[in-house]
Amino acid sequence: MSFEHLTLEPQWLDALAALGFEQATPVQRRVIPAHIAGSDGIGLAPTGSGKTLAYGLSLLQPLHHVPLQGRSVYALVLVPTRELAQQVSHVLVDLIKGVRAQADTPLRVVTAVGGASINTQLMGLRGGASVLVATPGRLLELIDKDGLDLTDLRYAVLDEADRLLDSGFEDELKAIQQALRATCRTWPHTWLFSATWNTGIDALASGWLREPLRIEETAGLVPTPPITQRAIAVDERRRASLLLQLIKTQEWKQALVFVATQYAAEHVADKLYNNFKGTKIYATAFHGGLTLSQRTQRLQEFKDGKWDVLITTDLAARGIDIAGLPVVLNYDLPRSATDYTHRIGRTGRAGVAGLAISFVPPAARKHFDLIQQRNALALGVEVLPGFETTDLADAPVAEANNDTGGLDPAGGVKGKRMSKKDKLRAANNAASVNHTASPDTTDDASH
């Protein structure tokens, strides 16, 4: 179905055509008319289904002629990470540029995320914003500093709602909800988008939405992402050599490689870039230890094809859309089955086939078996010629929790050092018990 059959005005149709959008995806066909009509809604759709464009058009068209004044914000988009905030803002700005080429419009987007100067963002809000794209921590900082006016807020979107909760933002979302109830003249029309559904999302929806429409759209998309999954046995000390061989022999145009730590990201990227064994592999690291501008630049350069391999921590496991990414590789296994799903979801997007490979050292075999069990997988662990393993397997872990399938309740690997995310979860759990301390929000994606 073309966009002409939706409730879009001519200038927006022209802007879409100029941007190369001809056919609406299934989720866009259902969300755009309902959103523009003023309904609250829940959008359950797989990654890469076009939801950002769907809610972007639905927010911008009704605000097309609404003049900006003071520090007023008319639409709010909450996202879990800085990178996703930038991505959403780029989509909205491109749409506005397309419309502005035909006629004047006061439409304006402001992005507010941690890691960047809050003073610059406060200055940007002085002229008001049609749409504010923000992460929860930074939005609360702006509210505390009286940096914006939400009195006339008309629309709100909770994007990647499952990730918002998974990242430990439940308390922040409650605080934002309370601030809106205390400030807004009327409760904004709200949409919640998620790739999964659970009791946490259900509770979030009940607090934010009023008689919502539920759009669960998979028609026209591949129900299960077309991702070929492989597992390869390899000794830990030989992983870099195997990665280098795979990149060269398989002739991957690009690959996203996940590691456990910032140090590993830098170390593996350096090994690939300076391998001295033939053609240079253009690899770079991507993690929370870099500045926001460094991460933004490296991610854009990777998308533009200037880097062959991006070595990343779980910072990039969710919410980053890299069009046509052919390969995801788990150099270090993820800490939980859910993180495994998020990682491999960076490939196989929007019906385009992808490949996901996991390195499985003998010591991590039991953990990988648990990941498979949780995700209903039955992958055989391959042994490649020349990379037969000699390391010893893990001894049984006496304290393994049978109720959680051997994984700790927070989703981490038993016996391993807690990650920042696990520490955040532990802090939140402690806060809920003690009813005193507020949660630590120092994770990579916390602002």
Protein backbone atom coordinates (compact mmCIF):
# COMPACT_ATOMS: atom_id res chain seq x y z
CA MET A 1 0.00 0.00 0.00
CA SER A 2 1.33 3.45 -0.87
CA PHE A 3 1.34 6.35 1.60
CA GLU A 4 -1.32 8.08 -0.53
CA HIS A 5 -3.95 5.81 0.98
CA LEU A 6 -3.17 7.01 4.50
CA THR A 7 -4.36 10.18 6.25
CA LEU A 8 -1.37 12.25 5.15
CA GLU A 9 -1.47 15.73 3.67
CA PRO A 10 0.09 16.41 0.23
CA GLN A 11 3.23 18.11 1.56
CA TRP A 12 4.08 15.05 3.65
CA LEU A 13 3.51 12.72 0.72
CA ASP A 14 5.87 14.86 -1.35
CA ALA A 15 8.46 14.81 1.45
CA LEU A 16 8.26 11.00 1.66
CA ALA A 17 8.67 10.69 -2.10
CA ALA A 18 11.72 12.97 -2.03
CA LEU A 19 13.24 10.76 0.67
CA GLY A 20 12.64 7.64 -1.41
CA PHE A 21 9.73 6.19 0.60
CA GLU A 22 7.14 4.73 -1.79
CA GLN A 23 5.31 1.92 0.01
CA ALA A 24 4.13 1.95 3.61
CA THR A 25 5.11 -1.00 5.79
CA PRO A 26 2.32 -2.95 7.54
CA VAL A 27 2.93 -1.22 10.86
CA GLN A 28 2.86 2.21 9.19
CA ARG A 29 -0.46 1.43 7.50
CA ARG A 30 -2.11 0.79 10.86
CA VAL A 31 -0.31 3.18 13.21
CA ILE A 32 -0.39 6.41 11.17
CA PRO A 33 -4.20 6.75 10.76
CA ALA A 34 -4.88 5.72 14.37
CA HIS A 35 -2.20 8.00 15.79
CA ILE A 36 -3.26 11.03 13.75
CA ALA A 37 -6.89 10.40 14.80
CA GLY A 38 -5.80 10.95 18.40
CA SER A 39 -6.00 7.42 19.77
CA ASP A 40 -3.64 6.04 22.38
CA GLY A 41 -1.97 2.87 21.23
CA ILE A 42 0.38 -0.03 21.74
CA GLY A 43 2.55 -0.98 18.80
CA LEU A 44 4.09 -4.45 18.95
CA ALA A 45 6.29 -4.96 15.92
CA PRO A 46 9.64 -6.52 15.08
CA THR A 47 12.76 -4.41 14.77
CA GLY A 48 13.11 -2.78 11.36
CA SER A 49 9.35 -2.59 10.73
CA GLY A 50 9.26 1.19 10.19
CA LYS A 51 7.78 2.30 13.50
CA THR A 52 9.98 5.42 13.81
CA LEU A 53 8.68 6.80 10.54
CA ALA A 54 5.15 5.80 11.57
CA TYR A 55 5.08 7.77 14.80
CA GLY A 56 7.32 10.51 13.37
CA LEU A 57 4.79 11.38 10.67
CA SER A 58 1.96 11.08 13.19
CA LEU A 59 3.60 13.62 15.50
CA LEU A 60 4.81 16.12 12.91
CA GLN A 61 1.74 16.48 10.67
CA PRO A 62 -0.62 17.70 13.45
CA LEU A 63 2.06 20.13 14.66
CA HIS A 64 2.87 21.41 11.17
CA HIS A 65 1.34 24.87 11.76
CA VAL A 66 1.64 25.13 15.55
CA PRO A 67 3.86 28.13 16.39
CA LEU A 68 6.62 27.72 18.96
CA GLN A 69 6.60 29.86 22.06
CA GLY A 70 8.79 30.17 25.15
CA ARG A 71 10.12 26.83 26.30
CA SER A 72 7.00 24.91 25.33
CA VAL A 73 7.29 21.30 24.14
CA TYR A 74 4.36 19.81 22.22
CA ALA A 75 5.51 16.24 21.67
CA LEU A 76 7.86 14.04 23.71
CA VAL A 77 9.68 10.90 22.53
CA LEU A 78 11.38 8.88 25.27
CA VAL A 79 14.08 6.41 24.21
CA PRO A 80 16.51 4.24 26.21
CA THR A 81 19.86 5.26 24.68
CA ARG A 82 21.69 8.28 23.39
CA GLU A 83 22.33 6.57 20.07
CA LEU A 84 18.65 5.80 19.49
CA ALA A 85 17.78 9.40 20.38
CA GLN A 86 20.13 10.62 17.65
CA GLN A 87 18.71 8.12 15.19
CA VAL A 88 15.10 9.13 15.86
CA SER A 89 15.98 12.83 15.65
CA HIS A 90 17.64 12.31 12.25
CA VAL A 91 14.46 10.70 10.88
CA LEU A 92 12.33 13.59 12.16
CA VAL A 93 14.71 16.26 10.87
CA ASP A 94 14.84 14.67 7.42
CA LEU A 95 11.03 14.73 7.26
CA ILE A 96 10.93 18.37 8.32
CA LYS A 97 13.54 19.31 5.72
CA GLY A 98 11.42 17.62 3.06
CA VAL A 99 8.36 19.65 4.02
CA ARG A 100 10.31 22.87 4.48
CA ALA A 101 11.49 22.61 0.87
CA GLN A 102 7.85 23.25 -0.14
CA ALA A 103 6.58 25.65 2.51
CA ASP A 104 7.52 27.39 5.75
CA THR A 105 6.86 25.51 8.96
CA PRO A 106 7.78 26.20 12.59
CA LEU A 107 8.51 22.50 13.18
CA ARG A 108 11.62 22.01 15.29
CA VAL A 109 13.26 18.99 16.95
CA VAL A 110 15.46 19.15 20.05
CA THR A 111 17.52 16.21 21.30
CA ALA A 112 18.37 15.91 25.00
CA VAL A 113 20.73 13.15 26.13
CA GLY A 114 23.40 12.65 28.76
CA GLY A 115 27.04 12.86 27.81
CA ALA A 116 26.40 16.18 26.08
CA SER A 117 26.29 19.66 27.57
CA ILE A 118 23.02 20.24 29.41
CA ASN A 119 23.58 23.99 29.09
CA THR A 120 23.56 23.67 25.30
CA GLN A 121 20.31 21.71 25.51
CA LEU A 122 18.78 24.29 27.85
CA MET A 123 19.70 26.98 25.34
CA GLY A 124 18.14 24.94 22.55
CA LEU A 125 14.87 24.69 24.45
CA ARG A 126 14.57 28.43 24.96
CA GLY A 127 12.92 28.73 21.58
CA GLY A 128 10.55 25.85 22.27
CA ALA A 129 10.35 22.50 20.51
CA SER A 130 7.74 20.80 18.38
CA VAL A 131 9.27 17.46 19.40
CA LEU A 132 11.73 16.73 22.19
CA VAL A 133 13.58 13.41 21.82
CA ALA A 134 15.10 12.54 25.19
CA THR A 135 16.50 9.85 27.41
CA PRO A 136 14.79 9.57 30.83
CA GLY A 137 17.68 10.70 33.01
CA ARG A 138 18.38 13.85 31.03
CA LEU A 139 14.67 14.72 30.78
CA LEU A 140 14.38 14.62 34.57
CA GLU A 141 17.45 16.89 34.84
CA LEU A 142 15.81 19.37 32.47
CA ILE A 143 12.59 19.24 34.49
CA ASP A 144 14.51 19.80 37.75
CA LYS A 145 16.24 22.83 36.20
CA ASP A 146 12.90 24.19 34.97
CA GLY A 147 14.38 24.07 31.49
CA LEU A 148 11.18 23.30 29.57
CA ASP A 149 7.46 23.89 29.70
CA LEU A 150 5.27 20.78 29.40
CA THR A 151 1.98 22.57 30.08
CA ASP A 152 0.76 22.19 26.48
CA LEU A 153 2.26 18.77 25.77
CA ARG A 154 -0.04 17.02 23.28
CA TYR A 155 1.74 13.77 22.41
CA ALA A 156 4.10 11.29 24.05
CA VAL A 157 5.85 8.21 22.66
CA LEU A 158 7.65 5.53 24.68
CA ASP A 159 9.93 3.89 22.13
CA GLU A 160 11.71 0.58 22.85
CA ALA A 161 9.59 0.34 26.01
CA ASP A 162 10.96 -3.10 26.89
CA ARG A 163 14.49 -1.74 26.72
CA LEU A 164 13.52 1.27 28.86
CA LEU A 165 12.50 -1.14 31.62
CA ASP A 166 15.38 -3.56 31.03
CA SER A 167 17.85 -0.69 31.44
CA GLY A 168 16.49 0.10 34.89
CA PHE A 169 14.44 3.20 34.04
CA GLU A 170 11.27 2.16 35.85
CA ASP A 171 11.70 4.74 38.64
CA GLU A 172 12.60 7.48 36.15
CA LEU A 173 9.50 6.74 34.08
CA LYS A 174 7.34 6.95 37.21
CA ALA A 175 8.93 10.29 38.11
CA ILE A 176 8.34 11.61 34.58
CA GLN A 177 4.73 10.42 34.70
CA GLN A 178 4.21 12.27 38.00
CA ALA A 179 5.78 15.42 36.56
CA LEU A 180 3.48 15.30 33.53
CA ARG A 181 0.38 14.79 35.68
CA ALA A 182 1.38 17.79 37.77
CA THR A 183 2.13 20.01 34.75
CA CYS A 184 0.12 19.13 31.63
CA ARG A 185 -3.26 20.76 31.09
CA THR A 186 -4.52 17.53 29.61
CA TRP A 187 -2.86 14.12 29.53
CA PRO A 188 -1.03 13.69 26.19
CA HIS A 189 -2.10 11.17 23.57
CA THR A 190 0.44 8.42 24.15
CA TRP A 191 1.82 5.51 22.16
CA LEU A 192 4.04 2.75 23.42
CA PHE A 193 6.21 0.70 21.06
CA SER A 194 7.92 -2.54 21.95
CA ALA A 195 9.27 -5.69 20.32
CA THR A 196 8.23 -7.83 23.29
CA TRP A 197 5.43 -7.97 25.85
CA ASN A 198 5.58 -8.91 29.52
CA THR A 199 4.03 -7.96 32.86
CA GLY A 200 6.36 -4.98 33.20
CA ILE A 201 5.30 -3.54 29.85
CA ASP A 202 1.67 -4.24 30.73
CA ALA A 203 2.00 -2.23 33.95
CA LEU A 204 3.77 0.59 32.11
CA ALA A 205 1.02 0.75 29.50
CA SER A 206 -1.74 0.86 32.12
CA GLY A 207 -0.14 3.89 33.74
CA TRP A 208 0.42 5.88 30.54
CA LEU A 209 -2.32 4.89 28.09
CA ARG A 210 -6.08 5.39 27.99
CA GLU A 211 -8.14 2.73 26.23
CA PRO A 212 -5.30 2.02 23.84
CA LEU A 213 -5.56 0.37 20.48
CA ARG A 214 -3.32 -2.68 20.26
CA ILE A 215 -1.52 -3.08 16.96
CA GLU A 216 0.45 -6.29 16.71
CA GLU A 217 1.72 -6.30 13.17
CA THR A 218 3.75 -9.00 11.48
CA ALA A 219 1.90 -9.19 8.15
CA GLY A 220 4.22 -8.64 5.23
CA LEU A 221 7.27 -9.29 7.39
CA VAL A 222 9.18 -12.46 8.07
CA PRO A 223 7.73 -13.74 11.41
CA THR A 224 11.14 -14.91 12.61
CA PRO A 225 14.04 -12.75 11.46
CA PRO A 226 15.84 -14.61 8.66
CA ILE A 227 19.03 -15.05 10.65
CA THR A 228 21.26 -18.05 10.17
CA GLN A 229 22.72 -18.84 13.60
CA ARG A 230 25.99 -20.72 14.07
CA ALA A 231 28.14 -21.64 17.07
CA ILE A 232 31.86 -22.37 16.73
CA ALA A 233 34.05 -23.97 19.38
CA VAL A 234 37.35 -22.17 19.90
CA ASP A 235 39.90 -21.77 22.68
CA GLU A 236 39.78 -18.32 24.25
CA ARG A 237 43.34 -17.43 23.26
CA ARG A 238 42.62 -18.24 19.59
CA ARG A 239 39.44 -16.23 19.14
CA ALA A 240 41.19 -13.26 17.51
CA SER A 241 42.91 -15.54 15.00
CA LEU A 242 39.63 -17.27 14.15
CA LEU A 243 37.84 -13.95 13.77
CA LEU A 244 40.55 -12.69 11.44
CA GLN A 245 40.34 -15.87 9.33
CA LEU A 246 36.56 -15.71 9.09
CA ILE A 247 36.60 -12.06 8.02
CA LYS A 248 39.09 -12.83 5.26
CA THR A 249 37.78 -16.18 4.00
CA GLN A 250 34.07 -15.32 4.20
CA GLU A 251 34.66 -11.90 2.60
CA TRP A 252 32.22 -10.15 4.91
CA LYS A 253 31.60 -6.60 3.79
CA GLN A 254 30.85 -5.55 7.35
CA ALA A 255 30.57 -7.19 10.76
CA LEU A 256 29.43 -6.14 14.22
CA VAL A 257 31.43 -7.96 16.90
CA PHE A 258 30.27 -8.06 20.53
CA VAL A 259 32.70 -8.26 23.44
CA ALA A 260 32.23 -8.13 27.20
CA THR A 261 34.29 -5.08 28.20
CA GLN A 262 35.54 -1.75 26.95
CA TYR A 263 39.13 -3.03 27.22
CA ALA A 264 38.27 -6.03 25.03
CA ALA A 265 36.68 -3.73 22.43
CA GLU A 266 39.88 -1.70 22.13
CA HIS A 267 42.14 -4.77 22.30
CA VAL A 268 40.34 -6.79 19.61
CA ALA A 269 39.97 -3.78 17.32
CA ASP A 270 43.70 -3.13 17.63
CA LYS A 271 44.53 -6.79 16.89
CA LEU A 272 42.48 -6.73 13.71
CA TYR A 273 43.71 -3.35 12.54
CA ASN A 274 47.36 -4.19 13.17
CA ASN A 275 47.33 -7.89 12.33
CA PHE A 276 50.34 -7.69 9.95
CA LYS A 277 49.15 -10.89 8.28
CA GLY A 278 47.91 -9.54 5.01
CA THR A 279 45.22 -7.04 4.08
CA LYS A 280 44.52 -4.55 6.85
CA ILE A 281 41.15 -5.01 8.56
CA TYR A 282 39.61 -1.61 9.20
CA ALA A 283 38.26 -2.24 12.70
CA THR A 284 37.36 0.25 15.42
CA ALA A 285 35.98 0.11 18.96
CA PHE A 286 32.57 1.38 20.09
CA HIS A 287 31.71 1.56 23.80
CA GLY A 288 30.54 3.76 26.66
CA GLY A 289 34.06 4.91 27.49
CA LEU A 290 34.10 7.05 24.35
CA THR A 291 32.59 10.50 24.29
CA LEU A 292 29.18 10.94 22.71
CA SER A 293 30.71 12.73 19.72
CA GLN A 294 33.25 9.93 19.25
CA ARG A 295 30.53 7.27 19.32
CA THR A 296 28.32 9.24 16.96
CA GLN A 297 31.18 9.68 14.51
CA ARG A 298 32.31 6.06 14.60
CA LEU A 299 28.81 4.70 14.19
CA GLN A 300 28.15 6.97 11.22
CA GLU A 301 31.48 6.03 9.66
CA PHE A 302 30.60 2.34 10.09
CA LYS A 303 27.22 2.91 8.43
CA ASP A 304 28.99 4.75 5.61
CA GLY A 305 31.31 1.79 5.05
CA LYS A 306 34.50 3.48 6.25
CA TRP A 307 35.02 0.71 8.81
CA ASP A 308 34.80 -3.01 8.06
CA VAL A 309 34.32 -4.16 11.64
CA LEU A 310 32.82 -2.45 14.69
CA ILE A 311 33.90 -4.04 18.00
CA THR A 312 31.31 -3.12 20.59
CA THR A 313 30.06 -3.77 24.09
CA ASP A 314 26.34 -4.31 24.70
CA LEU A 315 25.91 -0.56 24.24
CA ALA A 316 24.97 -1.36 20.61
CA ALA A 317 22.82 -4.42 21.31
CA ARG A 318 19.55 -2.55 21.08
CA GLY A 319 18.06 0.40 19.29
CA ILE A 320 20.72 0.97 16.65
CA ASP A 321 19.65 0.38 13.07
CA ILE A 322 22.47 -0.47 10.66
CA ALA A 323 20.85 -1.06 7.29
CA GLY A 324 21.84 -4.30 5.59
CA LEU A 325 24.29 -5.42 8.28
CA PRO A 326 25.24 -8.95 7.13
CA VAL A 327 27.00 -10.39 10.19
CA VAL A 328 26.87 -10.23 13.98
CA LEU A 329 29.47 -12.17 15.95
CA ASN A 330 29.56 -12.89 19.68
CA TYR A 331 33.29 -12.82 20.46
CA ASP A 332 32.28 -13.00 24.13
CA LEU A 333 28.98 -14.70 24.87
CA PRO A 334 26.26 -12.42 26.23
CA ARG A 335 25.42 -12.55 29.91
CA SER A 336 21.81 -13.61 29.35
CA ALA A 337 19.51 -15.23 26.84
CA THR A 338 17.67 -11.93 26.38
CA ASP A 339 20.92 -10.13 25.55
CA TYR A 340 21.65 -12.84 22.99
CA THR A 341 18.37 -12.03 21.23
CA HIS A 342 19.07 -8.31 21.32
CA ARG A 343 22.56 -8.75 19.90
CA ILE A 344 21.68 -10.95 16.96
CA GLY A 345 18.73 -8.67 16.19
CA ARG A 346 21.19 -6.15 14.76
CA THR A 347 21.27 -8.31 11.61
CA GLY A 348 18.37 -9.87 9.72
CA ARG A 349 16.39 -6.64 9.90
CA ALA A 350 13.28 -5.80 7.88
CA GLY A 351 13.31 -9.16 6.13
CA VAL A 352 16.93 -8.95 4.95
CA ALA A 353 18.84 -12.16 5.69
CA GLY A 354 21.68 -12.08 8.19
CA LEU A 355 24.24 -14.30 9.91
CA ALA A 356 24.89 -14.56 13.65
CA ILE A 357 27.94 -16.48 14.92
CA SER A 358 28.86 -17.21 18.53
CA PHE A 359 32.31 -18.24 19.70
CA VAL A 360 31.98 -20.94 22.36
CA PRO A 361 35.14 -21.64 24.39
CA PRO A 362 35.02 -24.94 26.31
CA ALA A 363 34.74 -23.06 29.61
CA ALA A 364 31.59 -21.32 28.37
CA ARG A 365 29.85 -24.36 26.88
CA LYS A 366 27.42 -24.81 29.79
CA HIS A 367 26.47 -21.16 29.65
CA PHE A 368 25.85 -21.37 25.91
CA ASP A 369 23.69 -24.44 26.42
CA LEU A 370 21.57 -22.42 28.86
CA ILE A 371 21.25 -19.56 26.34
CA GLN A 372 20.06 -22.10 23.78
CA GLN A 373 17.59 -23.58 26.21
CA ARG A 374 16.12 -20.19 27.08
CA ASN A 375 15.78 -19.30 23.38
CA ALA A 376 14.53 -22.74 22.27
CA LEU A 377 17.59 -23.24 20.05
CA ALA A 378 19.34 -26.46 19.12
CA LEU A 379 22.53 -25.32 17.41
CA GLY A 380 25.36 -27.76 16.94
CA VAL A 381 28.71 -26.35 18.06
CA GLU A 382 31.04 -26.60 15.07
CA VAL A 383 34.75 -27.35 15.19
CA LEU A 384 36.68 -25.78 12.32
CA PRO A 385 39.83 -27.43 10.93
CA GLY A 386 42.92 -25.93 12.48
CA PHE A 387 40.97 -24.58 15.48
CA GLU A 388 40.34 -27.77 17.44
CA THR A 389 40.00 -26.93 21.14
CA THR A 390 42.41 -27.97 23.86
CA ASP A 391 41.17 -25.87 26.79
CA LEU A 392 39.43 -27.64 29.68
CA ALA A 393 35.70 -27.22 30.14
CA ASP A 394 34.19 -25.59 33.20
CA ALA A 395 33.75 -27.67 36.33
CA PRO A 396 30.10 -27.83 37.50
CA VAL A 397 29.05 -24.69 39.36
CA ALA A 398 27.79 -25.80 42.75
CA GLU A 399 25.82 -22.64 43.42
CA ALA A 400 24.00 -22.64 40.08
CA ASN A 401 20.39 -21.64 40.54
CA ASN A 402 18.19 -24.40 39.13
CA ASP A 403 15.12 -22.18 39.25
CA THR A 404 16.69 -19.84 36.72
CA GLY A 405 18.27 -22.50 34.56
CA GLY A 406 21.76 -21.88 35.91
CA LEU A 407 21.69 -18.14 35.22
CA ASP A 408 21.47 -15.73 38.09
CA PRO A 409 18.06 -14.05 38.59
CA ALA A 410 19.33 -10.75 37.20
CA GLY A 411 20.33 -12.40 33.95
CA GLY A 412 24.10 -12.53 34.43
CA VAL A 413 26.55 -15.39 34.26
CA LYS A 414 27.03 -17.13 37.58
CA GLY A 415 30.49 -16.64 39.00
CA LYS A 416 31.30 -13.65 36.78
CA ARG A 417 31.84 -10.08 37.89
CA MET A 418 28.65 -8.03 37.88
CA SER A 419 28.21 -5.68 34.94
CA LYS A 420 27.05 -2.11 35.41
CA LYS A 421 23.58 -3.14 34.29
CA ASP A 422 23.45 -5.95 36.86
CA LYS A 423 24.65 -3.55 39.56
CA LEU A 424 21.87 -1.16 38.52
CA ARG A 425 19.31 -3.96 38.80
CA ALA A 426 20.65 -4.91 42.23
CA ALA A 427 20.44 -1.27 43.34
CA ASN A 428 16.86 -1.01 42.12
CA ASN A 429 15.93 -4.22 43.93
CA ALA A 430 17.51 -2.91 47.12
CA ALA A 431 15.66 0.38 46.72
CA SER A 432 12.33 -1.41 46.35
CA VAL A 433 13.00 -3.32 49.57
CA ASN A 434 14.34 -0.45 51.65
CA HIS A 435 12.08 2.25 50.15
CA THR A 436 14.94 4.69 50.55
CA ALA A 437 17.84 4.88 48.12
CA SER A 438 17.20 6.01 44.53
CA PRO A 439 18.68 3.78 41.79
CA ASP A 440 22.15 4.29 40.43
CA THR A 441 21.91 5.51 36.83
CA THR A 442 25.52 5.47 35.76
CA ASP A 443 25.21 2.81 33.03
CA ASP A 444 26.22 3.65 29.45
CA ALA A 445 22.59 4.22 28.48
CA SER A 446 21.40 5.94 31.64
CA HIS A 447 21.02 9.50 30.31
